[in-house]
Amino acid sequence: MNPKPSPAGRLGLGERIAGEIKMALGSAFPAAGEPDAEIGGRDLVSGLPNTIVIPAEEIR
């Protein structure tokens, strides 16, 4: 059984935004109460701006 692909894989982000997300949410180990992130970028399929919410565990 394959895991469901993340919607974050379809979102184009700039290098600056990607670095900011990693610094704000990244961690080496899981922690209780990790925040979710609302991330805006360009949908790579449609080419339109899009916003998604991803859990901090996807950044790890």
Protein backbone atom coordinates (compact mmCIF):
# COMPACT_ATOMS: atom_id res chain seq x y z
CA MET A 1 0.00 0.00 0.00
CA ASN A 2 1.48 3.34 -1.07
CA PRO A 3 1.04 6.39 1.15
CA LYS A 4 -1.10 9.20 -0.21
CA PRO A 5 1.12 11.81 -1.90
CA SER A 6 1.39 15.11 -0.10
CA PRO A 7 -0.30 18.14 -1.65
CA ALA A 8 2.93 19.99 -0.82
CA GLY A 9 4.56 18.11 -3.71
CA ARG A 10 2.39 20.06 -6.15
CA LEU A 11 3.23 23.49 -4.75
CA GLY A 12 6.07 25.55 -6.20
CA LEU A 13 7.92 27.52 -3.52
CA GLY A 14 10.78 29.94 -3.76
CA GLU A 15 14.08 29.18 -2.06
CA ARG A 16 13.56 31.93 0.53
CA ILE A 17 10.11 30.69 1.55
CA ALA A 18 11.27 27.07 1.72
CA GLY A 19 14.14 28.08 4.02
CA GLU A 20 11.82 30.07 6.27
CA ILE A 21 9.47 27.09 6.59
CA LYS A 22 12.33 24.74 7.47
CA MET A 23 13.67 27.12 10.11
CA ALA A 24 10.25 27.72 11.67
CA LEU A 25 8.93 24.15 11.71
CA GLY A 26 11.83 21.78 11.19
CA SER A 27 12.94 19.47 14.00
CA ALA A 28 14.97 16.29 14.32
CA PHE A 29 12.49 14.55 16.62
CA PRO A 30 8.71 14.62 17.00
CA ALA A 31 7.39 16.90 19.74
CA ALA A 32 3.98 17.19 21.35
CA GLY A 33 1.81 19.95 19.96
CA GLU A 34 3.72 20.63 16.77
CA PRO A 35 2.06 23.39 14.73
CA ASP A 36 0.67 23.10 11.22
CA ALA A 37 1.83 25.53 8.57
CA GLU A 38 -0.28 27.40 6.03
CA ILE A 39 1.91 27.73 2.96
CA GLY A 40 1.21 29.72 -0.16
CA GLY A 41 2.79 29.13 -3.54
CA ARG A 42 2.04 28.32 -7.16
CA ASP A 43 0.21 25.10 -7.97
CA LEU A 44 2.49 23.28 -10.42
CA VAL A 45 -0.43 21.58 -12.19
CA SER A 46 -2.77 24.53 -12.74
CA GLY A 47 -0.23 27.36 -12.51
CA LEU A 48 -2.54 29.30 -10.19
CA PRO A 49 -1.68 30.58 -6.69
CA ASN A 50 -2.70 28.11 -4.00
CA THR A 51 -2.50 27.81 -0.22
CA ILE A 52 -2.24 24.49 1.64
CA VAL A 53 -1.91 23.48 5.28
CA ILE A 54 0.72 20.85 6.09
CA PRO A 55 1.69 19.31 9.43
CA ALA A 56 5.16 19.93 10.86
CA GLU A 57 5.95 16.20 10.50
CA GLU A 58 6.05 16.64 6.71
CA ILE A 59 8.86 19.19 7.12
CA ARG A 60 10.95 16.77 9.14
